[in-house]
PDB file of N, CA and C in Angstrom:
ATOM      1  N   UNK A   1      13.481   5.504  17.786  1.00  0.00           N
ATOM      2  CA  UNK A   1      14.277   5.526  16.574  1.00  0.00           C
ATOM      3  C   UNK A   1      14.338   6.955  16.049  1.00  0.00           C
ATOM      4  N   UNK A   2      15.449   7.324  15.501  1.00  0.00           N
ATOM      5  CA  UNK A   2      15.665   8.646  14.939  1.00  0.00           C
ATOM      6  C   UNK A   2      14.656   8.897  13.821  1.00  0.00           C
ATOM      7  N   UNK A   3      13.963  10.033  13.882  1.00  0.00           N
ATOM      8  CA  UNK A   3      12.900  10.298  12.898  1.00  0.00           C
ATOM      9  C   UNK A   3      13.448  10.435  11.483  1.00  0.00           C
ATOM     10  N   UNK A   4      14.691  10.924  11.337  1.00  0.00           N
ATOM     11  CA  UNK A   4      15.279  11.037  10.008  1.00  0.00           C
ATOM     12  C   UNK A   4      15.524   9.653   9.404  1.00  0.00           C
ATOM     13  N   UNK A   5      16.015   8.729  10.227  1.00  0.00           N
ATOM     14  CA  UNK A   5      16.235   7.358   9.754  1.00  0.00           C
ATOM     15  C   UNK A   5      14.912   6.703   9.415  1.00  0.00           C
ATOM     16  N   UNK A   6      13.921   6.853  10.278  1.00  0.00           N
ATOM     17  CA  UNK A   6      12.597   6.287  10.040  1.00  0.00           C
ATOM     18  C   UNK A   6      12.026   6.806   8.729  1.00  0.00           C
ATOM     19  N   UNK A   7      12.138   8.114   8.497  1.00  0.00           N
ATOM     20  CA  UNK A   7      11.620   8.704   7.261  1.00  0.00           C
ATOM     21  C   UNK A   7      12.336   8.161   6.040  1.00  0.00           C
ATOM     22  N   UNK A   8      13.636   8.024   6.115  1.00  0.00           N
ATOM     23  CA  UNK A   8      14.403   7.513   4.979  1.00  0.00           C
ATOM     24  C   UNK A   8      14.036   6.065   4.662  1.00  0.00           C
ATOM     25  N   UNK A   9      13.914   5.250   5.687  1.00  0.00           N
ATOM     26  CA  UNK A   9      13.530   3.847   5.485  1.00  0.00           C
ATOM     27  C   UNK A   9      12.127   3.772   4.892  1.00  0.00           C
ATOM     28  N   UNK A  10      11.206   4.551   5.430  1.00  0.00           N
ATOM     29  CA  UNK A  10       9.826   4.540   4.925  1.00  0.00           C
ATOM     30  C   UNK A  10       9.781   4.991   3.470  1.00  0.00           C
ATOM     31  N   UNK A  11      10.515   6.043   3.136  1.00  0.00           N
ATOM     32  CA  UNK A  11      10.530   6.518   1.749  1.00  0.00           C
ATOM     33  C   UNK A  11      11.117   5.462   0.821  1.00  0.00           C
ATOM     34  N   UNK A  12      12.176   4.794   1.260  1.00  0.00           N
ATOM     35  CA  UNK A  12      12.801   3.751   0.443  1.00  0.00           C
ATOM     36  C   UNK A  12      11.818   2.595   0.217  1.00  0.00           C
ATOM     37  N   UNK A  13      11.152   2.160   1.280  1.00  0.00           N
ATOM     38  CA  UNK A  13      10.175   1.079   1.148  1.00  0.00           C
ATOM     39  C   UNK A  13       9.037   1.482   0.217  1.00  0.00           C
ATOM     40  N   UNK A  14       8.569   2.711   0.349  1.00  0.00           N
ATOM     41  CA  UNK A  14       7.479   3.173  -0.513  1.00  0.00           C
ATOM     42  C   UNK A  14       7.926   3.211  -1.969  1.00  0.00           C
ATOM     43  N   UNK A  15       9.142   3.696  -2.236  1.00  0.00           N
ATOM     44  CA  UNK A  15       9.649   3.729  -3.619  1.00  0.00           C
ATOM     45  C   UNK A  15       9.716   2.321  -4.202  1.00  0.00           C
ATOM     46  N   UNK A  16      10.172   1.358  -3.400  1.00  0.00           N
ATOM     47  CA  UNK A  16      10.260  -0.030  -3.874  1.00  0.00           C
ATOM     48  C   UNK A  16       8.877  -0.611  -4.146  1.00  0.00           C
ATOM     49  N   UNK A  17       7.949  -0.336  -3.258  1.00  0.00           N
ATOM     50  CA  UNK A  17       6.577  -0.801  -3.436  1.00  0.00           C
ATOM     51  C   UNK A  17       5.961  -0.160  -4.685  1.00  0.00           C
ATOM     52  N   UNK A  18       6.187   1.141  -4.860  1.00  0.00           N
ATOM     53  CA  UNK A  18       5.649   1.852  -6.029  1.00  0.00           C
ATOM     54  C   UNK A  18       6.212   1.279  -7.323  1.00  0.00           C
ATOM     55  N   UNK A  19       7.485   0.922  -7.312  1.00  0.00           N
ATOM     56  CA  UNK A  19       8.098   0.317  -8.496  1.00  0.00           C
ATOM     57  C   UNK A  19       7.506  -1.068  -8.750  1.00  0.00           C
ATOM     58  N   UNK A  20       7.351  -1.851  -7.693  1.00  0.00           N
ATOM     59  CA  UNK A  20       6.793  -3.210  -7.813  1.00  0.00           C
ATOM     60  C   UNK A  20       5.382  -3.171  -8.398  1.00  0.00           C
ATOM     61  N   UNK A  21       4.583  -2.222  -7.939  1.00  0.00           N
ATOM     62  CA  UNK A  21       3.206  -2.109  -8.411  1.00  0.00           C
ATOM     63  C   UNK A  21       3.079  -1.219  -9.645  1.00  0.00           C
ATOM     64  N   UNK A  22       4.193  -0.699 -10.150  1.00  0.00           N
ATOM     65  CA  UNK A  22       4.208   0.174 -11.331  1.00  0.00           C
ATOM     66  C   UNK A  22       3.259   1.364 -11.158  1.00  0.00           C
ATOM     67  N   UNK A  23       3.339   2.010 -10.002  1.00  0.00           N
ATOM     68  CA  UNK A  23       2.482   3.160  -9.723  1.00  0.00           C
ATOM     69  C   UNK A  23       2.982   4.404 -10.440  1.00  0.00           C
ATOM     70  N   UNK A  24       2.067   5.129 -11.040  1.00  0.00           N
ATOM     71  CA  UNK A  24       2.416   6.410 -11.637  1.00  0.00           C
ATOM     72  C   UNK A  24       2.658   7.422 -10.516  1.00  0.00           C
ATOM     73  N   UNK A  25       3.222   8.563 -10.868  1.00  0.00           N
ATOM     74  CA  UNK A  25       3.433   9.600  -9.857  1.00  0.00           C
ATOM     75  C   UNK A  25       2.097  10.056  -9.273  1.00  0.00           C
ATOM     76  N   UNK A  26       1.082  10.175 -10.106  1.00  0.00           N
ATOM     77  CA  UNK A  26      -0.240  10.579  -9.617  1.00  0.00           C
ATOM     78  C   UNK A  26      -0.801   9.549  -8.640  1.00  0.00           C
ATOM     79  N   UNK A  27      -0.611   8.267  -8.944  1.00  0.00           N
ATOM     80  CA  UNK A  27      -1.088   7.216  -8.042  1.00  0.00           C
ATOM     81  C   UNK A  27      -0.322   7.244  -6.724  1.00  0.00           C
ATOM     82  N   UNK A  28       0.982   7.459  -6.797  1.00  0.00           N
ATOM     83  CA  UNK A  28       1.780   7.576  -5.578  1.00  0.00           C
ATOM     84  C   UNK A  28       1.291   8.746  -4.732  1.00  0.00           C
ATOM     85  N   UNK A  29       1.052   9.865  -5.374  1.00  0.00           N
ATOM     86  CA  UNK A  29       0.576  11.053  -4.654  1.00  0.00           C
ATOM     87  C   UNK A  29      -0.772  10.802  -3.997  1.00  0.00           C
ATOM     88  N   UNK A  30      -1.622  10.004  -4.635  1.00  0.00           N
ATOM     89  CA  UNK A  30      -2.952   9.747  -4.070  1.00  0.00           C
ATOM     90  C   UNK A  30      -2.871   8.858  -2.829  1.00  0.00           C
ATOM     91  N   UNK A  31      -1.814   8.083  -2.714  1.00  0.00           N
ATOM     92  CA  UNK A  31      -1.671   7.181  -1.570  1.00  0.00           C
ATOM     93  C   UNK A  31      -1.058   7.856  -0.349  1.00  0.00           C
ATOM     94  N   UNK A  32      -0.314   8.920  -0.560  1.00  0.00           N
ATOM     95  CA  UNK A  32       0.337   9.616   0.550  1.00  0.00           C
ATOM     96  C   UNK A  32      -0.368  10.939   0.810  1.00  0.00           C
ATOM     97  N   UNK A  33      -0.638  11.211   2.058  1.00  0.00           N
ATOM     98  CA  UNK A  33      -1.397  12.411   2.402  1.00  0.00           C
ATOM     99  C   UNK A  33      -0.615  13.690   2.175  1.00  0.00           C
ATOM    100  N   UNK A  34       0.667  13.647   2.450  1.00  0.00           N
ATOM    101  CA  UNK A  34       1.465  14.870   2.372  1.00  0.00           C
ATOM    102  C   UNK A  34       2.458  14.855   1.218  1.00  0.00           C
ATOM    103  N   UNK A  35       2.289  13.912   0.330  1.00  0.00           N
ATOM    104  CA  UNK A  35       3.186  13.782  -0.813  1.00  0.00           C
ATOM    105  C   UNK A  35       4.631  13.878  -0.342  1.00  0.00           C
ATOM    106  N   UNK A  36       5.021  12.900   0.411  1.00  0.00           N
ATOM    107  CA  UNK A  36       6.313  12.863   1.091  1.00  0.00           C
ATOM    108  C   UNK A  36       7.445  13.333   0.181  1.00  0.00           C
ATOM    109  N   UNK A  37       8.138  14.320   0.642  1.00  0.00           N
ATOM    110  CA  UNK A  37       9.227  14.919  -0.103  1.00  0.00           C
ATOM    111  C   UNK A  37      10.506  14.112   0.072  1.00  0.00           C
ATOM    112  N   UNK A  38      11.328  14.123  -0.937  1.00  0.00           N
ATOM    113  CA  UNK A  38      12.631  13.468  -0.838  1.00  0.00           C
ATOM    114  C   UNK A  38      13.551  14.240   0.103  1.00  0.00           C
ATOM    115  N   UNK A  39      13.275  15.505   0.333  1.00  0.00           N
ATOM    116  CA  UNK A  39      14.190  16.349   1.100  1.00  0.00           C
ATOM    117  C   UNK A  39      13.827  16.476   2.574  1.00  0.00           C
ATOM    118  N   UNK A  40      12.610  16.165   2.941  1.00  0.00           N
ATOM    119  CA  UNK A  40      12.139  16.423   4.295  1.00  0.00           C
ATOM    120  C   UNK A  40      11.626  15.154   4.952  1.00  0.00           C
ATOM    121  N   UNK A  41      11.538  15.203   6.268  1.00  0.00           N
ATOM    122  CA  UNK A  41      10.905  14.103   6.989  1.00  0.00           C
ATOM    123  C   UNK A  41       9.460  13.990   6.531  1.00  0.00           C
ATOM    124  N   UNK A  42       8.975  12.777   6.511  1.00  0.00           N
ATOM    125  CA  UNK A  42       7.579  12.596   6.155  1.00  0.00           C
ATOM    126  C   UNK A  42       6.739  12.635   7.423  1.00  0.00           C
ATOM    127  N   UNK A  43       5.488  12.913   7.247  1.00  0.00           N
ATOM    128  CA  UNK A  43       4.590  13.075   8.389  1.00  0.00           C
ATOM    129  C   UNK A  43       4.261  11.725   9.022  1.00  0.00           C
ATOM    130  N   UNK A  44       3.777  11.796  10.257  1.00  0.00           N
ATOM    131  CA  UNK A  44       3.307  10.582  10.925  1.00  0.00           C
ATOM    132  C   UNK A  44       2.177   9.942  10.122  1.00  0.00           C
ATOM    133  N   UNK A  45       1.325  10.768   9.539  1.00  0.00           N
ATOM    134  CA  UNK A  45       0.222  10.252   8.725  1.00  0.00           C
ATOM    135  C   UNK A  45       0.752   9.394   7.582  1.00  0.00           C
ATOM    136  N   UNK A  46       1.787   9.874   6.904  1.00  0.00           N
ATOM    137  CA  UNK A  46       2.346   9.099   5.804  1.00  0.00           C
ATOM    138  C   UNK A  46       3.077   7.862   6.299  1.00  0.00           C
ATOM    139  N   UNK A  47       3.682   7.918   7.478  1.00  0.00           N
ATOM    140  CA  UNK A  47       4.306   6.721   8.048  1.00  0.00           C
ATOM    141  C   UNK A  47       3.252   5.631   8.270  1.00  0.00           C
ATOM    142  N   UNK A  48       2.095   6.024   8.772  1.00  0.00           N
ATOM    143  CA  UNK A  48       1.001   5.061   8.967  1.00  0.00           C
ATOM    144  C   UNK A  48       0.524   4.491   7.630  1.00  0.00           C
ATOM    145  N   UNK A  49       0.409   5.363   6.643  1.00  0.00           N
ATOM    146  CA  UNK A  49      -0.031   4.917   5.320  1.00  0.00           C
ATOM    147  C   UNK A  49       0.961   3.923   4.723  1.00  0.00           C
ATOM    148  N   UNK A  50       2.237   4.256   4.799  1.00  0.00           N
ATOM    149  CA  UNK A  50       3.265   3.380   4.252  1.00  0.00           C
ATOM    150  C   UNK A  50       3.264   2.049   4.996  1.00  0.00           C
ATOM    151  N   UNK A  51       3.097   2.095   6.299  1.00  0.00           N
ATOM    152  CA  UNK A  51       3.034   0.868   7.092  1.00  0.00           C
ATOM    153  C   UNK A  51       1.877  -0.016   6.629  1.00  0.00           C
ATOM    154  N   UNK A  52       0.718   0.568   6.407  1.00  0.00           N
ATOM    155  CA  UNK A  52      -0.446  -0.197   5.939  1.00  0.00           C
ATOM    156  C   UNK A  52      -0.198  -0.746   4.531  1.00  0.00           C
ATOM    157  N   UNK A  53       0.438   0.036   3.679  1.00  0.00           N
ATOM    158  CA  UNK A  53       0.732  -0.426   2.322  1.00  0.00           C
ATOM    159  C   UNK A  53       1.713  -1.591   2.344  1.00  0.00           C
ATOM    160  N   UNK A  54       2.688  -1.540   3.234  1.00  0.00           N
ATOM    161  CA  UNK A  54       3.628  -2.653   3.382  1.00  0.00           C
ATOM    162  C   UNK A  54       2.879  -3.892   3.886  1.00  0.00           C
ATOM    163  N   UNK A  55       1.910  -3.691   4.777  1.00  0.00           N
ATOM    164  CA  UNK A  55       1.076  -4.808   5.233  1.00  0.00           C
ATOM    165  C   UNK A  55       0.329  -5.448   4.069  1.00  0.00           C
ATOM    166  N   UNK A  56      -0.180  -4.627   3.173  1.00  0.00           N
ATOM    167  CA  UNK A  56      -0.879  -5.122   1.982  1.00  0.00           C
ATOM    168  C   UNK A  56       0.094  -5.922   1.119  1.00  0.00           C
ATOM    169  N   UNK A  57       1.257  -5.379   0.905  1.00  0.00           N
ATOM    170  CA  UNK A  57       2.280  -6.039   0.105  1.00  0.00           C
ATOM    171  C   UNK A  57       2.646  -7.401   0.700  1.00  0.00           C
ATOM    172  N   UNK A  58       2.854  -7.445   2.004  1.00  0.00           N
ATOM    173  CA  UNK A  58       3.215  -8.707   2.676  1.00  0.00           C
ATOM    174  C   UNK A  58       2.089  -9.731   2.570  1.00  0.00           C
ATOM    175  N   UNK A  59       0.860  -9.275   2.746  1.00  0.00           N
ATOM    176  CA  UNK A  59      -0.277 -10.198   2.618  1.00  0.00           C
ATOM    177  C   UNK A  59      -0.337 -10.786   1.216  1.00  0.00           C
ATOM    178  N   UNK A  60      -0.110  -9.952   0.218  1.00  0.00           N
ATOM    179  CA  UNK A  60      -0.131 -10.446  -1.156  1.00  0.00           C
ATOM    180  C   UNK A  60       0.979 -11.459  -1.394  1.00  0.00           C
ATOM    181  N   UNK A  61       2.131 -11.254  -0.769  1.00  0.00           N
ATOM    182  CA  UNK A  61       3.220 -12.217  -0.899  1.00  0.00           C
ATOM    183  C   UNK A  61       2.820 -13.571  -0.325  1.00  0.00           C
ATOM    184  N   UNK A  62       2.105 -13.561   0.774  1.00  0.00           N
ATOM    185  CA  UNK A  62       1.670 -14.820   1.394  1.00  0.00           C
ATOM    186  C   UNK A  62       0.580 -15.505   0.574  1.00  0.00           C
ATOM    187  N   UNK A  63      -0.336 -14.716   0.036  1.00  0.00           N
ATOM    188  CA  UNK A  63      -1.508 -15.281  -0.609  1.00  0.00           C
ATOM    189  C   UNK A  63      -1.306 -15.691  -2.058  1.00  0.00           C
ATOM    190  N   UNK A  64      -0.487 -14.951  -2.759  1.00  0.00           N
ATOM    191  CA  UNK A  64      -0.342 -15.175  -4.203  1.00  0.00           C
ATOM    192  C   UNK A  64       1.074 -15.641  -4.520  1.00  0.00           C
ATOM    193  N   UNK A  65       1.196 -16.859  -4.983  1.00  0.00           N
ATOM    194  CA  UNK A  65       2.506 -17.419  -5.270  1.00  0.00           C
ATOM    195  C   UNK A  65       3.149 -16.858  -6.524  1.00  0.00           C
ATOM    196  N   UNK A  66       2.349 -16.385  -7.421  1.00  0.00           N
ATOM    197  CA  UNK A  66       2.838 -15.893  -8.699  1.00  0.00           C
ATOM    198  C   UNK A  66       3.218 -14.415  -8.583  1.00  0.00           C
ATOM    199  N   UNK A  67       4.451 -14.085  -8.957  1.00  0.00           N
ATOM    200  CA  UNK A  67       4.929 -12.701  -8.846  1.00  0.00           C
ATOM    201  C   UNK A  67       4.084 -11.738  -9.676  1.00  0.00           C
ATOM    202  N   UNK A  68       3.734 -12.135 -10.872  1.00  0.00           N
ATOM    203  CA  UNK A  68       2.917 -11.268 -11.726  1.00  0.00           C
ATOM    204  C   UNK A  68       1.552 -11.019 -11.089  1.00  0.00           C
ATOM    205  N   UNK A  69       0.961 -12.026 -10.478  1.00  0.00           N
ATOM    206  CA  UNK A  69      -0.329 -11.864  -9.807  1.00  0.00           C
ATOM    207  C   UNK A  69      -0.202 -10.881  -8.651  1.00  0.00           C
ATOM    208  N   UNK A  70       0.897 -10.950  -7.910  1.00  0.00           N
ATOM    209  CA  UNK A  70       1.117 -10.016  -6.793  1.00  0.00           C
ATOM    210  C   UNK A  70       1.262  -8.588  -7.301  1.00  0.00           C
ATOM    211  N   UNK A  71       1.901  -8.442  -8.436  1.00  0.00           N
ATOM    212  CA  UNK A  71       2.135  -7.095  -8.989  1.00  0.00           C
ATOM    213  C   UNK A  71       0.858  -6.463  -9.529  1.00  0.00           C
ATOM    214  N   UNK A  72      -0.038  -7.289 -10.044  1.00  0.00           N
ATOM    215  CA  UNK A  72      -1.212  -6.738 -10.724  1.00  0.00           C
ATOM    216  C   UNK A  72      -2.499  -6.775  -9.908  1.00  0.00           C
ATOM    217  N   UNK A  73      -2.504  -7.478  -8.782  1.00  0.00           N
ATOM    218  CA  UNK A  73      -3.721  -7.646  -7.999  1.00  0.00           C
ATOM    219  C   UNK A  73      -4.365  -6.313  -7.634  1.00  0.00           C
ATOM    220  N   UNK A  74      -3.581  -5.316  -7.286  1.00  0.00           N
ATOM    221  CA  UNK A  74      -4.167  -4.053  -6.826  1.00  0.00           C
ATOM    222  C   UNK A  74      -4.941  -3.322  -7.918  1.00  0.00           C
ATOM    223  N   UNK A  75      -4.723  -3.688  -9.175  1.00  0.00           N
ATOM    224  CA  UNK A  75      -5.415  -3.022 -10.290  1.00  0.00           C
ATOM    225  C   UNK A  75      -6.624  -3.805 -10.805  1.00  0.00           C
ATOM    226  N   UNK A  76      -6.798  -5.011 -10.333  1.00  0.00           N
ATOM    227  CA  UNK A  76      -7.888  -5.854 -10.847  1.00  0.00           C
ATOM    228  C   UNK A  76      -9.202  -5.530 -10.146  1.00  0.00           C
ATOM    229  N   UNK A  77     -10.298  -5.505 -10.909  1.00  0.00           N
ATOM    230  CA  UNK A  77     -11.613  -5.284 -10.297  1.00  0.00           C
ATOM    231  C   UNK A  77     -11.908  -6.359  -9.255  1.00  0.00           C
ATOM    232  N   UNK A  78     -12.581  -5.953  -8.196  1.00  0.00           N
ATOM    233  CA  UNK A  78     -12.879  -6.864  -7.097  1.00  0.00           C
ATOM    234  C   UNK A  78     -14.382  -6.811  -6.819  1.00  0.00           C
ATOM    235  N   UNK A  79     -15.024  -7.954  -6.848  1.00  0.00           N
ATOM    236  CA  UNK A  79     -16.465  -8.016  -6.592  1.00  0.00           C
ATOM    237  C   UNK A  79     -16.831  -7.529  -5.196  1.00  0.00           C
ATOM    238  N   UNK A  80     -15.918  -7.674  -4.237  1.00  0.00           N
ATOM    239  CA  UNK A  80     -16.169  -7.213  -2.863  1.00  0.00           C
ATOM    240  C   UNK A  80     -16.375  -5.701  -2.800  1.00  0.00           C
ATOM    241  N   UNK A  81     -15.836  -4.994  -3.776  1.00  0.00           N
ATOM    242  CA  UNK A  81     -15.903  -3.533  -3.788  1.00  0.00           C
ATOM    243  C   UNK A  81     -16.631  -3.024  -5.028  1.00  0.00           C
ATOM    244  N   UNK A  82     -17.702  -3.711  -5.387  1.00  0.00           N
ATOM    245  CA  UNK A  82     -18.540  -3.319  -6.533  1.00  0.00           C
ATOM    246  C   UNK A  82     -17.734  -3.115  -7.812  1.00  0.00           C
ATOM    247  N   UNK A  83     -16.744  -3.981  -8.023  1.00  0.00           N
ATOM    248  CA  UNK A  83     -15.957  -3.925  -9.249  1.00  0.00           C
ATOM    249  C   UNK A  83     -14.796  -2.951  -9.226  1.00  0.00           C
ATOM    250  N   UNK A  84     -14.637  -2.218  -8.140  1.00  0.00           N
ATOM    251  CA  UNK A  84     -13.484  -1.318  -8.043  1.00  0.00           C
ATOM    252  C   UNK A  84     -12.240  -2.125  -7.688  1.00  0.00           C
ATOM    253  N   UNK A  85     -11.095  -1.630  -8.100  1.00  0.00           N
ATOM    254  CA  UNK A  85      -9.841  -2.289  -7.738  1.00  0.00           C
ATOM    255  C   UNK A  85      -9.379  -1.786  -6.371  1.00  0.00           C
ATOM    256  N   UNK A  86      -8.447  -2.512  -5.789  1.00  0.00           N
ATOM    257  CA  UNK A  86      -7.870  -2.075  -4.510  1.00  0.00           C
ATOM    258  C   UNK A  86      -7.223  -0.704  -4.664  1.00  0.00           C
ATOM    259  N   UNK A  87      -6.552  -0.473  -5.789  1.00  0.00           N
ATOM    260  CA  UNK A  87      -5.913   0.827  -6.006  1.00  0.00           C
ATOM    261  C   UNK A  87      -6.944   1.948  -6.064  1.00  0.00           C
ATOM    262  N   UNK A  88      -8.074   1.682  -6.711  1.00  0.00           N
ATOM    263  CA  UNK A  88      -9.131   2.696  -6.758  1.00  0.00           C
ATOM    264  C   UNK A  88      -9.665   2.989  -5.357  1.00  0.00           C
ATOM    265  N   UNK A  89      -9.824   1.956  -4.547  1.00  0.00           N
ATOM    266  CA  UNK A  89     -10.288   2.147  -3.166  1.00  0.00           C
ATOM    267  C   UNK A  89      -9.273   2.977  -2.387  1.00  0.00           C
ATOM    268  N   UNK A  90      -7.988   2.609  -2.505  1.00  0.00           N
ATOM    269  CA  UNK A  90      -6.934   3.268  -1.714  1.00  0.00           C
ATOM    270  C   UNK A  90      -6.633   4.685  -2.175  1.00  0.00           C
ATOM    271  N   UNK A  91      -6.950   5.004  -3.408  1.00  0.00           N
ATOM    272  CA  UNK A  91      -6.583   6.299  -3.982  1.00  0.00           C
ATOM    273  C   UNK A  91      -7.519   7.444  -3.622  1.00  0.00           C
ATOM    274  N   UNK A  92      -8.437   7.207  -2.719  1.00  0.00           N
ATOM    275  CA  UNK A  92      -9.370   8.265  -2.331  1.00  0.00           C
ATOM    276  C   UNK A  92      -8.697   9.355  -1.509  1.00  0.00           C
ATOM    277  N   UNK A  93      -7.512   9.040  -0.981  1.00  0.00           N
ATOM    278  CA  UNK A  93      -6.825  10.001  -0.119  1.00  0.00           C
ATOM    279  C   UNK A  93      -7.118   9.797   1.353  1.00  0.00           C
ATOM    280  N   UNK A  94      -7.972   8.821   1.661  1.00  0.00           N
ATOM    281  CA  UNK A  94      -8.331   8.559   3.059  1.00  0.00           C
ATOM    282  C   UNK A  94      -7.571   7.345   3.582  1.00  0.00           C
ATOM    283  N   UNK A  95      -6.937   7.508   4.731  1.00  0.00           N
ATOM    284  CA  UNK A  95      -6.207   6.409   5.363  1.00  0.00           C
ATOM    285  C   UNK A  95      -7.130   5.223   5.612  1.00  0.00           C
ATOM    286  N   UNK A  96      -8.371   5.504   5.969  1.00  0.00           N
ATOM    287  CA  UNK A  96      -9.338   4.447   6.260  1.00  0.00           C
ATOM    288  C   UNK A  96      -9.518   3.511   5.066  1.00  0.00           C
ATOM    289  N   UNK A  97      -9.402   4.041   3.857  1.00  0.00           N
ATOM    290  CA  UNK A  97      -9.583   3.208   2.675  1.00  0.00           C
ATOM    291  C   UNK A  97      -8.371   2.313   2.422  1.00  0.00           C
ATOM    292  N   UNK A  98      -7.177   2.795   2.757  1.00  0.00           N
ATOM    293  CA  UNK A  98      -5.993   1.941   2.686  1.00  0.00           C
ATOM    294  C   UNK A  98      -6.138   0.828   3.717  1.00  0.00           C
ATOM    295  N   UNK A  99      -6.601   1.195   4.908  1.00  0.00           N
ATOM    296  CA  UNK A  99      -6.809   0.208   5.967  1.00  0.00           C
ATOM    297  C   UNK A  99      -7.881  -0.811   5.577  1.00  0.00           C
ATOM    298  N   UNK A 100      -8.886  -0.372   4.840  1.00  0.00           N
ATOM    299  CA  UNK A 100      -9.946  -1.278   4.383  1.00  0.00           C
ATOM    300  C   UNK A 100      -9.348  -2.411   3.547  1.00  0.00           C
ATOM    301  N   UNK A 101      -8.459  -2.065   2.630  1.00  0.00           N
ATOM    302  CA  UNK A 101      -7.803  -3.071   1.793  1.00  0.00           C
ATOM    303  C   UNK A 101      -6.886  -3.940   2.651  1.00  0.00           C
ATOM    304  N   UNK A 102      -6.155  -3.321   3.555  1.00  0.00           N
ATOM    305  CA  UNK A 102      -5.256  -4.050   4.442  1.00  0.00           C
ATOM    306  C   UNK A 102      -6.027  -5.077   5.284  1.00  0.00           C
ATOM    307  N   UNK A 103      -7.134  -4.654   5.877  1.00  0.00           N
ATOM    308  CA  UNK A 103      -7.950  -5.561   6.699  1.00  0.00           C
ATOM    309  C   UNK A 103      -8.543  -6.689   5.855  1.00  0.00           C
ATOM    310  N   UNK A 104      -8.977  -6.374   4.660  1.00  0.00           N
ATOM    311  CA  UNK A 104      -9.527  -7.382   3.749  1.00  0.00           C
ATOM    312  C   UNK A 104      -8.503  -8.491   3.499  1.00  0.00           C
ATOM    313  N   UNK A 105      -7.270  -8.090   3.186  1.00  0.00           N
ATOM    314  CA  UNK A 105      -6.231  -9.081   2.895  1.00  0.00           C
ATOM    315  C   UNK A 105      -5.800  -9.845   4.142  1.00  0.00           C
ATOM    316  N   UNK A 106      -5.749  -9.171   5.282  1.00  0.00           N
ATOM    317  CA  UNK A 106      -5.406  -9.862   6.536  1.00  0.00           C
ATOM    318  C   UNK A 106      -6.468 -10.923   6.863  1.00  0.00           C
ATOM    319  N   UNK A 107      -7.715 -10.590   6.649  1.00  0.00           N
ATOM    320  CA  UNK A 107      -8.798 -11.561   6.874  1.00  0.00           C
ATOM    321  C   UNK A 107      -8.670 -12.729   5.910  1.00  0.00           C
ATOM    322  N   UNK A 108      -8.321 -12.457   4.686  1.00  0.00           N
ATOM    323  CA  UNK A 108      -8.123 -13.498   3.672  1.00  0.00           C
ATOM    324  C   UNK A 108      -6.963 -14.412   4.097  1.00  0.00           C
ATOM    325  N   UNK A 109      -5.886 -13.814   4.616  1.00  0.00           N
ATOM    326  CA  UNK A 109      -4.749 -14.608   5.129  1.00  0.00           C
ATOM    327  C   UNK A 109      -5.200 -15.514   6.277  1.00  0.00           C
ATOM    328  N   UNK A 110      -5.988 -14.971   7.173  1.00  0.00           N
ATOM    329  CA  UNK A 110      -6.475 -15.764   8.308  1.00  0.00           C
ATOM    330  C   UNK A 110      -7.348 -16.925   7.838  1.00  0.00           C
ATOM    331  N   UNK A 111      -8.171 -16.685   6.840  1.00  0.00           N
ATOM    332  CA  UNK A 111      -9.030 -17.745   6.305  1.00  0.00           C
ATOM    333  C   UNK A 111      -8.207 -18.870   5.695  1.00  0.00           C
ATOM    334  N   UNK A 112      -7.030 -18.529   5.190  1.00  0.00           N
ATOM    335  CA  UNK A 112      -6.165 -19.517   4.558  1.00  0.00           C
ATOM    336  C   UNK A 112      -5.037 -19.969   5.485  1.00  0.00           C
ATOM    337  N   UNK A 113      -5.196 -19.652   6.774  1.00  0.00           N
ATOM    338  CA  UNK A 113      -4.261 -20.075   7.820  1.00  0.00           C
ATOM    339  C   UNK A 113      -2.819 -19.623   7.591  1.00  0.00           C
ATOM    340  N   UNK A 114      -2.657 -18.390   7.119  1.00  0.00           N
ATOM    341  CA  UNK A 114      -1.312 -17.808   6.988  1.00  0.00           C
ATOM    342  C   UNK A 114      -0.993 -16.979   8.195  1.00  0.00           C
TER     343      UNK A 114
END
């Protein structure tokens, strides 16, 4: 696939996800490694991050029937992470932490046969 098209689609999906989760600009910047520019192709690293974030979004759609619950889940404290929210975990700047949340939700989906 053309890298320019891939970058545009990824940026569009990320903007929609950021709007859905009401992410501030600082929160958006913390989730992307290279602070993907509107004018340039985004890095492979950010493509992976966006892909994992979309996985999180999809898992939440399967698990939580209530739209408001899906929108706010990432900000709620979680006992699995010593009271930190998913957003706090993901905002460290490390891809591994985004993947940690993604794997957690995928496992939860599997437990509920989704």
